[in-house]
Amino acid sequence: MGEYKQVIHKFSKQNRCEQNSDSRQSASHSRSQLLVALGVPIILLVAAQLVWAQSISQTKHNLSSSGLGTVKATTESRICVFCHAPHKSTGNSPLWNREDSRATYTTYTSPTLISTPGQPTGSSRLCLSCHDGTIALGAIASESAVIEFQGGIVFLPADHSLLGDNLADDHPISFIYDNALANANTELKFPAELPAALPLDHRGRMQCATCHDAHQDDFGKFLRKDPKFSQLCISCHSKSGWVGSVHESSNQTWNGVGIDPWQHADGLTVAENACQNCHQPHEAGQPIHLLGSVQEENNCLTCHNGNVGSDISSAINLFSNHPVTLTTGVHQFSEDPLTMTRHVECVDCHNPHATSNVDLPPPSLPGALKDVSGIDINGNPIDPANSSYEVCLKCHGDSHGATSVVTRQIQSLNTRLDISPTAISFHPVTTIGMNPNVPSLISPMTENSLVSCSDCHSSPPGNPAGTHGSQFGPLLKSNYSTLDNTQESSFAYALCYSCHSRNSILNDDSFGEHKKHIVGEDAPCSVCHDPHGVPSSQGNSTNNSHLINFDIAIVTPDPNTGLLKFEDLGSNKGRCYLLCHGKKHSPKKY
């Protein structure tokens, strides 16, 4: 009998639930094929039933009266009869004992889907004869009467195993998985690379039986491979950047506070749950991309609320924030940042499949922004971005809807032009600055140092790093007062003083009138300086060097000359024509 078991197991592994039900071979013909293929006595049919019964008996698919689950027959003691029968079967392979469901299914779709799933075929339609809830569990072809179930159960109860006829929130099935598909989607493995444990059907189609083995439940949910550490998912999917990413490797656990973030997964760490941290292969909350939650950001905040990962949830509720909760269903992976509807979602800045903890100094990308698209300094889409500012420029460059906190003499609402290497003056985001003498810089910064957008725009210390939210607008990491008559203090201009020494500024090391203006006149830094820069198309090197771009809500034209301008006269020299705090500069020379 041991020898027969090996033969039967080999045959069943190749054919179990993989034959296409479309062919509707007669039961007698199917049995003849089985005998010819095996070349062994008919007693092996009995042996096969024994092997399968032994594996099924300890699972929920044992629907007989001896079953271990809550769904089981009242008196029927046969185990295999609910799916198979050696006589009076429907004619579908393998000796199928249930009628096909006549349901018309809503199938999975997605903007990034390349395959074309149609109505379920083959073994998938056989599985659905129970799992769509349209045919009674006890209605089998070999029996004239419907088998009764305990508790009066007729169909599968309304839980995760009842899929219904809406398969839009389930992993796609019944599509051809071939080399053409893998070539079209470079993040899919080629069919020859798939493990033997995950068989396509005899027509090369992915079916329910590719991932599930109805006869064995070694890994839960009748899966053919262990889902932990994404062993099942990465058998087919090869996501760029996944290996070594945070979500692939993190040993963070749930602290037990609040709602369990892993209700649909069995792992204890982020790494164990891997893909299932965000995705559900069945009954996904958001059908597109099979995400766990309908609201996009909740797929991140389920863990990033401080109970597993960093507390982003609190940061985005601060006074000034990236408003990820305002829109849903707007972001698409194929969107053009030059024409897209203005919005922001977590995935506009973060690629959850690739994000890492490896940070490099500017202008390189920090690990959190790895493999994200952007706009380069010339205004061209780039994927992936090479620098963090390119990610920011998707929304803060040529896109519409930008606003300004300060009313400038030269009003530029395009940060890409402000920080361009061709700008008149700029903070050194894209390249080193134009001023070779900046004595106020705090070591280790020098005139050759670069800064990133997040050096100014980010959540304050004590919050997770990144531009999630801040109590200081516009999403600044420290206070930066732009109000006239602000009394100077380390707090009033904390943002500026994080790079420029307060002592140096007030000692007039950079400009002989700094202290007079900031302390003596209570004039904010922003009254003269535009922190991003002045575009070459709007300014000039004589009037707009050193980030000079007056706040015209505070500074007005000189009444004597009618001029409002600064003139650069060389190193540490200049003159101004303006009226400020009632004092005329007609001009005032420094």
Protein backbone atom coordinates (compact mmCIF):
# COMPACT_ATOMS: atom_id res chain seq x y z
CA MET A 1 0.00 0.00 0.00
CA GLY A 2 2.94 2.38 0.64
CA GLU A 3 4.04 1.94 -2.99
CA TYR A 4 0.50 2.66 -4.19
CA LYS A 5 0.41 5.79 -2.05
CA GLN A 6 3.53 7.13 -3.76
CA VAL A 7 2.08 6.50 -7.21
CA ILE A 8 -1.26 8.04 -6.30
CA HIS A 9 0.40 11.03 -4.66
CA LYS A 10 2.51 11.69 -7.76
CA PHE A 11 -0.53 11.53 -10.01
CA SER A 12 -2.73 13.61 -7.76
CA LYS A 13 -0.09 16.30 -7.38
CA GLN A 14 -0.11 16.80 -11.13
CA ASN A 15 -3.83 16.56 -11.65
CA ARG A 16 -5.56 17.44 -8.40
CA CYS A 17 -8.14 20.07 -9.20
CA GLU A 18 -6.10 21.21 -12.20
CA GLN A 19 -8.10 19.62 -15.05
CA ASN A 20 -10.38 22.13 -16.74
CA SER A 21 -14.03 21.70 -15.93
CA ASP A 22 -14.89 23.21 -19.34
CA SER A 23 -14.12 19.92 -21.10
CA ARG A 24 -16.83 18.10 -19.14
CA GLN A 25 -15.40 14.68 -19.81
CA SER A 26 -17.66 11.83 -18.92
CA ALA A 27 -17.06 10.20 -15.56
CA SER A 28 -16.32 6.86 -17.15
CA HIS A 29 -13.81 8.39 -19.57
CA SER A 30 -12.10 10.22 -16.69
CA ARG A 31 -11.79 7.00 -14.74
CA SER A 32 -10.40 5.20 -17.79
CA GLN A 33 -7.77 7.90 -18.24
CA LEU A 34 -6.81 7.59 -14.61
CA LEU A 35 -6.37 3.80 -14.91
CA VAL A 36 -4.36 4.03 -18.12
CA ALA A 37 -2.13 6.74 -16.73
CA LEU A 38 -1.39 4.72 -13.62
CA GLY A 39 -1.22 1.28 -15.20
CA VAL A 40 -2.28 -0.22 -11.89
CA PRO A 41 -5.37 -2.04 -10.60
CA ILE A 42 -8.61 -0.25 -9.81
CA ILE A 43 -7.89 -0.80 -6.14
CA LEU A 44 -5.62 2.25 -6.39
CA LEU A 45 -8.74 4.41 -6.72
CA VAL A 46 -9.62 3.29 -3.25
CA ALA A 47 -6.04 3.92 -2.15
CA ALA A 48 -6.22 7.48 -3.49
CA GLN A 49 -9.40 8.14 -1.55
CA LEU A 50 -7.74 6.84 1.60
CA VAL A 51 -4.69 9.10 1.16
CA TRP A 52 -6.79 12.19 0.57
CA ALA A 53 -9.20 11.33 3.35
CA GLN A 54 -6.34 11.01 5.81
CA SER A 55 -5.10 14.52 4.98
CA ILE A 56 -8.53 16.16 4.78
CA SER A 57 -9.97 14.57 7.90
CA GLN A 58 -8.16 16.99 10.21
CA THR A 59 -9.16 20.10 8.28
CA LYS A 60 -12.27 22.24 7.80
CA HIS A 61 -12.80 20.56 4.44
CA ASN A 62 -13.94 17.49 6.35
CA LEU A 63 -17.63 18.31 6.09
CA SER A 64 -18.69 14.88 7.37
CA SER A 65 -20.22 14.37 10.78
CA SER A 66 -16.70 13.73 12.11
CA GLY A 67 -15.47 17.14 10.98
CA LEU A 68 -13.55 19.37 13.35
CA GLY A 69 -15.10 22.64 12.19
CA THR A 70 -18.50 24.17 12.90
CA VAL A 71 -19.74 23.42 9.36
CA LYS A 72 -20.42 19.67 9.18
CA ALA A 73 -23.08 17.19 8.23
CA THR A 74 -25.62 15.82 10.64
CA THR A 75 -25.19 12.13 9.87
CA GLU A 76 -23.15 11.73 6.66
CA SER A 77 -19.90 10.01 7.60
CA ARG A 78 -18.19 9.95 4.20
CA ILE A 79 -15.49 12.58 3.85
CA CYS A 80 -14.70 12.82 0.15
CA VAL A 81 -18.29 12.64 -1.08
CA PHE A 82 -18.84 16.40 -0.72
CA CYS A 83 -16.47 16.98 -3.66
CA HIS A 84 -15.77 13.61 -5.34
CA ALA A 85 -17.62 10.43 -6.24
CA PRO A 86 -16.37 7.36 -8.13
CA HIS A 87 -19.87 6.96 -9.64
CA LYS A 88 -22.61 9.39 -10.69
CA SER A 89 -20.25 12.37 -10.65
CA THR A 90 -20.92 15.43 -12.81
CA GLY A 91 -18.41 14.51 -15.48
CA ASN A 92 -15.95 17.21 -14.49
CA SER A 93 -12.48 16.13 -13.47
CA PRO A 94 -11.46 14.97 -10.99
CA LEU A 95 -14.63 12.86 -10.50
CA TRP A 96 -16.38 16.02 -9.40
CA ASN A 97 -19.53 15.59 -7.35
CA ARG A 98 -20.96 19.14 -7.45
CA GLU A 99 -22.67 21.16 -10.14
CA ASP A 100 -20.92 24.30 -11.40
CA SER A 101 -22.26 27.56 -10.05
CA ARG A 102 -24.26 29.48 -12.63
CA ALA A 103 -23.27 32.81 -11.08
CA THR A 104 -21.82 35.62 -13.18
CA TYR A 105 -18.87 37.02 -11.29
CA THR A 106 -17.49 40.52 -10.93
CA THR A 107 -13.80 40.00 -11.50
CA TYR A 108 -10.72 41.81 -10.23
CA THR A 109 -9.56 44.95 -12.02
CA SER A 110 -6.88 47.56 -11.42
CA PRO A 111 -5.29 50.43 -13.39
CA THR A 112 -1.97 48.59 -13.23
CA LEU A 113 -3.36 45.15 -14.16
CA ILE A 114 -1.79 43.72 -17.31
CA SER A 115 -3.44 40.30 -17.35
CA THR A 116 -7.10 39.93 -18.36
CA PRO A 117 -9.00 37.75 -15.89
CA GLY A 118 -12.31 36.55 -17.29
CA GLN A 119 -15.03 34.49 -15.67
CA PRO A 120 -13.60 31.77 -13.41
CA THR A 121 -12.66 28.55 -15.19
CA GLY A 122 -11.26 25.13 -14.35
CA SER A 123 -10.57 24.31 -10.73
CA SER A 124 -11.49 27.84 -9.63
CA ARG A 125 -15.09 27.36 -10.74
CA LEU A 126 -15.13 24.06 -8.87
CA CYS A 127 -13.97 25.78 -5.68
CA LEU A 128 -16.61 28.46 -6.11
CA SER A 129 -19.38 25.86 -6.19
CA CYS A 130 -19.12 26.04 -2.41
CA HIS A 131 -17.37 29.34 -1.82
CA ASP A 132 -19.70 31.65 -3.74
CA GLY A 133 -22.70 30.65 -1.59
CA THR A 134 -25.07 29.90 -4.48
CA ILE A 135 -25.24 26.10 -4.19
CA ALA A 136 -26.18 24.26 -1.00
CA LEU A 137 -23.25 22.50 0.67
CA GLY A 138 -25.17 19.28 0.80
CA ALA A 139 -26.31 19.37 -2.84
CA ILE A 140 -24.11 16.73 -4.49
CA ALA A 141 -24.60 14.93 -7.80
CA SER A 142 -24.31 11.36 -6.54
CA GLU A 143 -27.16 11.72 -4.04
CA SER A 144 -30.82 12.30 -4.77
CA ALA A 145 -31.42 14.15 -1.51
CA VAL A 146 -29.57 17.17 -0.13
CA ILE A 147 -27.32 16.20 2.79
CA GLU A 148 -28.37 18.00 5.94
CA PHE A 149 -25.90 19.99 8.04
CA GLN A 150 -25.85 20.59 11.77
CA GLY A 151 -27.57 23.75 12.95
CA GLY A 152 -29.63 23.91 9.76
CA ILE A 153 -26.68 25.33 7.80
CA VAL A 154 -27.32 25.29 4.04
CA PHE A 155 -24.61 27.56 2.63
CA LEU A 156 -21.22 28.65 3.95
CA PRO A 157 -21.67 31.11 6.84
CA ALA A 158 -20.87 34.76 6.18
CA ASP A 159 -17.20 34.78 7.07
CA HIS A 160 -13.90 35.06 5.20
CA SER A 161 -14.48 31.77 3.35
CA LEU A 162 -17.69 33.02 1.69
CA LEU A 163 -16.48 34.95 -1.35
CA GLY A 164 -19.85 35.51 -3.04
CA ASP A 165 -20.02 36.43 -6.70
CA ASN A 166 -18.02 39.67 -6.29
CA LEU A 167 -14.40 38.68 -6.83
CA ALA A 168 -13.21 42.25 -7.39
CA ASP A 169 -11.69 42.26 -3.90
CA ASP A 170 -9.92 38.93 -4.42
CA HIS A 171 -6.65 38.01 -6.08
CA PRO A 172 -7.24 37.59 -9.85
CA ILE A 173 -7.67 34.04 -11.13
CA SER A 174 -8.24 32.15 -14.38
CA PHE A 175 -5.77 34.18 -16.46
CA ILE A 176 -2.91 32.98 -18.61
CA TYR A 177 0.39 33.29 -16.75
CA ASP A 178 3.02 33.02 -19.46
CA ASN A 179 6.30 34.59 -20.58
CA ALA A 180 4.45 37.37 -22.38
CA LEU A 181 2.81 38.44 -19.12
CA ALA A 182 6.12 38.33 -17.23
CA ASN A 183 7.77 40.39 -19.96
CA ALA A 184 4.97 42.96 -19.79
CA ASN A 185 5.12 43.14 -16.00
CA THR A 186 8.78 43.11 -14.99
CA GLU A 187 7.85 42.56 -11.34
CA LEU A 188 6.41 39.11 -12.10
CA LYS A 189 8.59 36.03 -12.29
CA PHE A 190 8.60 33.86 -15.40
CA PRO A 191 6.52 30.67 -15.28
CA ALA A 192 9.66 28.52 -15.31
CA GLU A 193 10.77 30.24 -12.09
CA LEU A 194 7.61 29.37 -10.16
CA PRO A 195 8.15 26.69 -7.51
CA ALA A 196 6.71 23.24 -8.15
CA ALA A 197 4.53 23.73 -5.07
CA LEU A 198 2.52 26.41 -6.90
CA PRO A 199 1.27 24.76 -10.12
CA LEU A 200 -0.52 26.54 -12.93
CA ASP A 201 -3.29 24.50 -14.52
CA HIS A 202 -2.74 22.41 -17.65
CA ARG A 203 -3.48 25.45 -19.84
CA GLY A 204 -0.98 27.66 -18.03
CA ARG A 205 -3.63 29.55 -16.08
CA MET A 206 -3.39 30.73 -12.51
CA GLN A 207 -6.26 29.28 -10.50
CA CYS A 208 -7.37 29.01 -6.89
CA ALA A 209 -5.48 25.71 -6.81
CA THR A 210 -2.22 27.49 -7.63
CA CYS A 211 -2.10 28.88 -4.10
CA HIS A 212 -4.50 26.55 -2.31
CA ASP A 213 -4.45 22.76 -1.93
CA ALA A 214 -7.94 21.67 -0.95
CA HIS A 215 -6.62 18.42 0.51
CA GLN A 216 -3.91 19.72 2.84
CA ASP A 217 -3.84 22.56 5.35
CA ASP A 218 -0.22 22.59 6.47
CA PHE A 219 0.10 26.40 6.45
CA GLY A 220 -3.46 27.51 7.24
CA LYS A 221 -6.16 28.55 4.76
CA PHE A 222 -5.13 25.48 2.71
CA LEU A 223 -2.17 27.42 1.33
CA ARG A 224 0.51 25.52 -0.57
CA LYS A 225 3.32 27.66 0.88
CA ASP A 226 3.84 29.43 4.18
CA PRO A 227 2.62 33.05 3.83
CA LYS A 228 4.97 34.26 6.58
CA PHE A 229 7.88 36.39 5.40
CA SER A 230 5.95 36.59 2.09
CA GLN A 231 7.23 33.19 1.00
CA LEU A 232 3.98 32.63 -0.90
CA CYS A 233 3.72 36.07 -2.51
CA ILE A 234 7.34 36.39 -3.64
CA SER A 235 7.08 33.04 -5.39
CA CYS A 236 5.38 34.99 -8.21
CA HIS A 237 5.93 38.66 -7.36
CA SER A 238 9.40 40.18 -7.49
CA LYS A 239 8.91 43.74 -6.23
CA SER A 240 11.74 46.14 -6.92
CA GLY A 241 13.55 47.15 -3.73
CA TRP A 242 11.72 44.64 -1.54
CA VAL A 243 14.73 42.65 -0.34
CA GLY A 244 16.32 44.56 2.53
CA SER A 245 13.48 47.08 2.77
CA VAL A 246 11.99 48.04 6.12
CA HIS A 247 8.77 46.09 5.62
CA GLU A 248 10.68 43.01 4.50
CA SER A 249 13.10 42.98 7.43
CA SER A 250 11.68 44.86 10.44
CA ASN A 251 11.29 42.95 13.70
CA GLN A 252 8.86 45.52 15.12
CA THR A 253 5.91 43.97 16.97
CA TRP A 254 2.47 45.23 17.95
CA ASN A 255 2.49 46.64 21.49
CA GLY A 256 -1.01 45.33 22.18
CA VAL A 257 -2.57 48.81 22.35
CA GLY A 258 -5.62 49.67 20.25
CA ILE A 259 -6.86 47.62 17.30
CA ASP A 260 -4.85 44.61 16.20
CA PRO A 261 -3.19 45.72 12.94
CA TRP A 262 -2.79 42.13 11.76
CA GLN A 263 -6.28 40.69 12.08
CA HIS A 264 -5.92 38.88 8.76
CA ALA A 265 -2.35 37.65 9.30
CA ASP A 266 -0.70 35.28 11.76
CA GLY A 267 2.81 36.74 12.07
CA LEU A 268 4.09 38.52 15.15
CA THR A 269 6.42 41.01 13.44
CA VAL A 270 6.37 43.33 10.46
CA ALA A 271 8.81 41.04 8.65
CA GLU A 272 6.71 37.94 9.33
CA ASN A 273 3.53 39.53 8.02
CA ALA A 274 5.40 41.24 5.17
CA CYS A 275 2.93 41.70 2.27
CA GLN A 276 0.00 41.07 4.59
CA ASN A 277 0.84 44.21 6.56
CA CYS A 278 -0.94 46.11 3.77
CA HIS A 279 -2.54 43.59 1.40
CA GLN A 280 -5.32 41.02 1.70
CA PRO A 281 -5.56 38.40 -1.07
CA HIS A 282 -9.28 37.91 -0.31
CA GLU A 283 -11.95 40.37 0.81
CA ALA A 284 -9.64 43.34 0.60
CA GLY A 285 -11.01 46.57 2.02
CA GLN A 286 -9.82 48.46 -1.06
CA PRO A 287 -10.18 46.17 -4.09
CA ILE A 288 -7.63 48.01 -6.23
CA HIS A 289 -4.22 46.61 -5.31
CA LEU A 290 -5.98 44.43 -2.69
CA LEU A 291 -5.28 46.87 0.14
CA GLY A 292 -6.54 46.14 3.62
CA SER A 293 -8.27 49.50 4.17
CA VAL A 294 -10.55 51.55 1.92
CA GLN A 295 -8.84 54.82 2.87
CA GLU A 296 -5.35 54.76 1.37
CA GLU A 297 -3.56 56.34 4.31
CA ASN A 298 -5.13 53.90 6.77
CA ASN A 299 -3.14 51.11 5.17
CA CYS A 300 -0.10 52.92 6.56
CA LEU A 301 -1.59 54.32 9.76
CA THR A 302 -2.79 50.89 10.91
CA CYS A 303 0.79 50.35 12.01
CA HIS A 304 2.15 53.91 11.94
CA ASN A 305 0.12 55.09 14.91
CA GLY A 306 2.85 54.39 17.45
CA ASN A 307 1.62 50.88 18.22
CA VAL A 308 3.92 49.16 15.73
CA GLY A 309 5.87 51.78 13.81
CA SER A 310 6.53 55.48 14.22
CA ASP A 311 3.53 57.64 15.14
CA ILE A 312 2.75 59.32 11.82
CA SER A 313 -0.93 59.43 12.76
CA SER A 314 -0.31 62.12 15.37
CA ALA A 315 2.08 64.07 13.14
CA ILE A 316 -0.43 64.49 10.29
CA ASN A 317 -2.92 65.98 12.74
CA LEU A 318 -0.60 68.84 13.72
CA PHE A 319 -1.42 72.42 12.73
CA SER A 320 0.47 72.38 9.43
CA ASN A 321 0.59 69.08 7.57
CA HIS A 322 0.53 67.16 4.33
CA PRO A 323 -3.26 66.66 4.12
CA VAL A 324 -3.31 62.98 3.18
CA THR A 325 -6.81 62.53 4.59
CA LEU A 326 -8.47 65.04 2.25
CA THR A 327 -8.56 62.84 -0.84
CA THR A 328 -8.98 59.17 -1.59
CA GLY A 329 -8.90 57.22 -4.81
CA VAL A 330 -7.13 60.05 -6.63
CA HIS A 331 -3.53 58.81 -6.69
CA GLN A 332 -2.55 56.46 -9.50
CA PHE A 333 0.86 54.94 -10.09
CA SER A 334 0.73 55.99 -13.74
CA GLU A 335 -0.25 59.61 -13.05
CA ASP A 336 1.64 62.46 -14.70
CA PRO A 337 2.81 64.92 -12.01
CA LEU A 338 2.58 67.74 -14.54
CA THR A 339 -1.13 67.23 -15.15
CA MET A 340 -2.45 65.23 -12.18
CA THR A 341 -5.19 66.53 -9.90
CA ARG A 342 -3.45 68.21 -6.99
CA HIS A 343 -3.40 65.82 -4.03
CA VAL A 344 -1.06 64.13 -1.61
CA GLU A 345 -1.12 60.56 -0.31
CA CYS A 346 1.51 58.63 1.64
CA VAL A 347 2.53 56.77 -1.53
CA ASP A 348 3.26 60.02 -3.37
CA CYS A 349 6.41 60.26 -1.24
CA HIS A 350 6.95 56.70 0.00
CA ASN A 351 7.23 53.37 -1.81
CA PRO A 352 6.23 50.82 0.86
CA HIS A 353 7.90 48.02 -1.10
CA ALA A 354 11.29 49.74 -1.10
CA THR A 355 11.54 52.19 1.80
CA SER A 356 14.67 51.66 3.90
CA ASN A 357 16.55 53.01 6.91
CA VAL A 358 19.68 53.81 4.90
CA ASP A 359 20.11 57.58 4.65
CA LEU A 360 22.73 59.38 2.58
CA PRO A 361 23.59 63.10 2.77
CA PRO A 362 22.03 65.59 0.33
CA PRO A 363 21.44 65.61 -2.54
CA SER A 364 21.01 61.82 -2.35
CA LEU A 365 17.63 60.36 -1.49
CA PRO A 366 16.95 59.36 2.11
CA GLY A 367 15.92 55.71 2.45
CA ALA A 368 12.32 56.65 3.21
CA LEU A 369 11.96 58.09 -0.31
CA LYS A 370 13.63 55.23 -2.16
CA ASP A 371 12.17 54.25 -5.55
CA VAL A 372 9.68 57.15 -5.72
CA SER A 373 9.02 59.23 -8.82
CA GLY A 374 9.83 62.92 -9.06
CA ILE A 375 10.42 65.99 -11.21
CA ASP A 376 14.00 66.95 -11.99
CA ILE A 377 15.30 70.51 -11.79
CA ASN A 378 14.57 70.99 -15.50
CA GLY A 379 10.90 70.13 -15.01
CA ASN A 380 11.03 66.62 -16.48
CA PRO A 381 9.36 63.59 -14.87
CA ILE A 382 11.89 61.13 -13.48
CA ASP A 383 11.29 57.65 -12.06
CA PRO A 384 12.84 56.93 -9.72
CA ALA A 385 13.93 60.26 -8.32
CA ASN A 386 17.61 60.69 -7.50
CA SER A 387 17.29 63.49 -4.95
CA SER A 388 14.77 64.31 -2.27
CA TYR A 389 13.96 67.72 -3.77
CA GLU A 390 12.82 65.95 -6.95
CA VAL A 391 10.11 64.21 -4.93
CA CYS A 392 9.00 67.55 -3.48
CA LEU A 393 8.89 69.18 -6.91
CA LYS A 394 6.10 66.87 -8.02
CA CYS A 395 3.75 69.18 -6.15
CA HIS A 396 5.85 72.21 -5.29
CA GLY A 397 7.18 72.97 -8.74
CA ASP A 398 5.14 73.49 -11.87
CA SER A 399 1.86 72.17 -10.47
CA HIS A 400 -1.04 74.52 -9.85
CA GLY A 401 -2.44 75.67 -6.52
CA ALA A 402 0.70 76.92 -4.76
CA THR A 403 0.38 79.78 -2.26
CA SER A 404 2.82 82.04 -0.43
CA VAL A 405 3.01 82.98 3.24
CA VAL A 406 4.75 86.29 2.47
CA THR A 407 3.70 88.88 -0.14
CA ARG A 408 6.91 89.35 -2.08
CA GLN A 409 8.06 92.11 -4.41
CA ILE A 410 8.88 89.28 -6.82
CA GLN A 411 6.17 86.68 -6.31
CA SER A 412 7.31 83.24 -7.45
CA LEU A 413 5.13 80.24 -6.75
CA ASN A 414 7.41 77.73 -8.48
CA THR A 415 9.96 76.33 -6.06
CA ARG A 416 11.72 74.51 -8.91
CA LEU A 417 12.71 77.86 -10.41
CA ASP A 418 13.54 79.33 -6.98
CA ILE A 419 16.14 76.67 -6.12
CA SER A 420 17.47 76.15 -9.64
CA PRO A 421 21.26 76.47 -10.11
CA THR A 422 20.43 79.21 -12.62
CA ALA A 423 18.49 81.25 -10.03
CA ILE A 424 19.88 84.64 -8.99
CA SER A 425 20.36 83.49 -5.40
CA PHE A 426 19.15 80.37 -3.66
CA HIS A 427 19.55 78.13 -0.66
CA PRO A 428 21.99 75.35 -1.68
CA VAL A 429 19.49 72.55 -2.32
CA THR A 430 20.45 71.55 -5.86
CA THR A 431 24.04 72.79 -5.86
CA ILE A 432 26.43 74.69 -3.59
CA GLY A 433 25.56 78.31 -2.89
CA MET A 434 26.82 81.35 -4.78
CA ASN A 435 28.17 83.21 -1.74
CA PRO A 436 31.75 82.12 -0.90
CA ASN A 437 31.69 83.94 2.45
CA VAL A 438 29.00 82.95 4.96
CA PRO A 439 30.64 83.36 8.40
CA SER A 440 27.42 82.63 10.30
CA LEU A 441 27.25 78.93 9.29
CA ILE A 442 27.34 76.52 12.20
CA SER A 443 30.00 73.81 11.95
CA PRO A 444 30.24 71.34 10.28
CA MET A 445 28.39 73.32 7.60
CA THR A 446 30.51 75.30 5.16
CA GLU A 447 29.93 77.30 2.00
CA ASN A 448 30.26 73.98 0.11
CA SER A 449 27.51 72.24 2.06
CA LEU A 450 24.16 71.24 0.60
CA VAL A 451 20.83 71.21 2.40
CA SER A 452 17.63 69.31 1.71
CA CYS A 453 14.05 70.52 1.75
CA SER A 454 13.52 68.59 4.97
CA ASP A 455 16.25 70.58 6.75
CA CYS A 456 13.61 73.31 7.00
CA HIS A 457 10.33 71.55 6.22
CA SER A 458 9.77 68.58 8.51
CA SER A 459 8.14 67.48 11.71
CA PRO A 460 9.81 69.04 14.78
CA PRO A 461 12.16 67.04 17.03
CA GLY A 462 10.25 64.48 19.08
CA ASN A 463 8.17 63.48 16.06
CA PRO A 464 8.96 60.93 13.33
CA ALA A 465 11.35 62.33 10.74
CA GLY A 466 9.84 63.59 7.53
CA THR A 467 7.41 66.18 6.21
CA HIS A 468 4.31 64.78 7.88
CA GLY A 469 3.14 67.62 10.08
CA SER A 470 4.28 70.43 12.35
CA GLN A 471 2.92 72.98 14.77
CA PHE A 472 4.89 75.56 12.80
CA GLY A 473 3.62 76.63 9.38
CA PRO A 474 4.29 76.12 6.57
CA LEU A 475 5.29 72.66 7.76
CA LEU A 476 8.53 73.96 9.29
CA LYS A 477 10.59 72.01 11.80
CA SER A 478 11.11 75.11 13.99
CA ASN A 479 9.50 78.48 14.55
CA TYR A 480 10.05 81.14 11.88
CA SER A 481 8.20 84.36 12.55
CA THR A 482 7.29 86.48 9.53
CA LEU A 483 5.26 89.03 11.47
CA ASP A 484 6.41 92.62 11.65
CA ASN A 485 7.43 93.99 15.06
CA THR A 486 8.53 90.55 16.27
CA GLN A 487 10.84 90.78 19.27
CA GLU A 488 14.05 88.91 18.46
CA SER A 489 14.70 85.71 20.41
CA SER A 490 16.20 82.28 19.87
CA PHE A 491 12.64 81.00 19.46
CA ALA A 492 11.39 83.71 17.08
CA TYR A 493 13.89 82.70 14.39
CA ALA A 494 14.74 79.20 15.57
CA LEU A 495 14.60 77.88 12.00
CA CYS A 496 17.26 80.32 10.77
CA TYR A 497 19.37 79.80 13.85
CA SER A 498 19.48 76.03 13.30
CA CYS A 499 22.06 76.67 10.53
CA HIS A 500 23.13 80.28 11.11
CA SER A 501 24.71 81.11 14.46
CA ARG A 502 22.57 83.55 16.40
CA ASN A 503 25.67 85.08 17.99
CA SER A 504 27.28 85.58 14.59
CA ILE A 505 24.15 87.21 13.16
CA LEU A 506 23.73 89.58 16.10
CA ASN A 507 27.45 90.38 16.07
CA ASP A 508 26.96 91.60 12.49
CA ASP A 509 29.59 89.22 11.10
CA SER A 510 27.66 88.79 7.85
CA PHE A 511 26.03 92.22 7.51
CA GLY A 512 26.82 95.31 9.54
CA GLU A 513 23.16 96.20 10.13
CA HIS A 514 21.70 92.81 11.12
CA LYS A 515 21.34 93.58 14.82
CA LYS A 516 19.95 97.04 14.13
CA HIS A 517 17.19 95.63 11.95
CA ILE A 518 16.37 92.46 13.87
CA VAL A 519 16.74 93.74 17.44
CA GLY A 520 16.53 97.51 17.10
CA GLU A 521 13.63 97.61 14.61
CA ASP A 522 11.96 94.27 15.42
CA ALA A 523 12.01 93.45 11.72
CA PRO A 524 11.73 89.73 10.87
CA CYS A 525 14.33 87.98 8.71
CA SER A 526 11.67 87.48 6.06
CA VAL A 527 11.21 91.22 5.51
CA CYS A 528 14.34 91.19 3.35
CA HIS A 529 15.18 87.53 2.61
CA ASP A 530 13.25 85.03 0.49
CA PRO A 531 14.46 81.63 1.78
CA HIS A 532 13.91 79.53 -1.36
CA GLY A 533 15.51 81.89 -3.86
CA VAL A 534 14.83 84.32 -6.64
CA PRO A 535 14.35 82.94 -10.19
CA SER A 536 16.58 84.29 -12.96
CA SER A 537 13.50 85.03 -15.04
CA GLN A 538 12.23 87.52 -12.45
CA GLY A 539 15.24 88.90 -10.62
CA ASN A 540 18.80 90.06 -11.31
CA SER A 541 22.17 89.78 -9.59
CA THR A 542 22.30 93.48 -8.69
CA ASN A 543 18.98 93.70 -6.87
CA ASN A 544 18.36 90.16 -5.67
CA SER A 545 21.64 88.69 -4.46
CA HIS A 546 21.78 87.31 -0.91
CA LEU A 547 18.14 86.18 -1.21
CA ILE A 548 16.93 89.77 -1.16
CA ASN A 549 13.23 89.94 -2.10
CA PHE A 550 11.30 92.41 0.04
CA ASP A 551 8.05 91.73 1.88
CA ILE A 552 5.91 94.49 0.37
CA ALA A 553 3.38 94.21 3.21
CA ILE A 554 6.07 95.77 5.42
CA VAL A 555 8.43 97.55 3.01
CA THR A 556 7.13 100.15 0.51
CA PRO A 557 8.79 102.36 -2.10
CA ASP A 558 10.90 105.31 -0.97
CA PRO A 559 8.64 108.39 -1.23
CA ASN A 560 11.52 110.61 -2.33
CA THR A 561 12.72 108.51 -5.27
CA GLY A 562 9.72 106.25 -5.83
CA LEU A 563 12.09 103.28 -5.81
CA LEU A 564 11.89 100.00 -3.95
CA LYS A 565 15.10 98.13 -4.48
CA PHE A 566 18.39 96.85 -3.09
CA GLU A 567 21.63 97.34 -4.97
CA ASP A 568 24.58 94.99 -4.46
CA LEU A 569 27.80 97.06 -4.49
CA GLY A 570 30.23 94.22 -3.86
CA SER A 571 31.43 92.22 -0.86
CA ASN A 572 29.56 93.37 2.27
CA LYS A 573 28.43 96.54 0.50
CA GLY A 574 25.03 97.70 -0.74
CA ARG A 575 22.32 100.33 -0.62
CA CYS A 576 18.54 100.29 -0.29
CA TYR A 577 15.77 102.51 -1.65
CA LEU A 578 12.63 101.97 0.45
CA LEU A 579 10.38 103.07 3.29
CA CYS A 580 10.22 100.80 6.36
CA HIS A 581 8.82 101.57 9.81
CA GLY A 582 8.49 105.20 8.74
CA LYS A 583 12.17 105.49 7.92
CA LYS A 584 13.19 106.56 4.45
CA HIS A 585 16.09 104.96 2.64
CA SER A 586 16.73 107.43 -0.18
CA PRO A 587 19.06 105.52 -0.42
CA LYS A 588 20.60 104.08 2.73
CA LYS A 589 24.13 102.82 2.06
CA TYR A 590 25.87 100.06 4.03
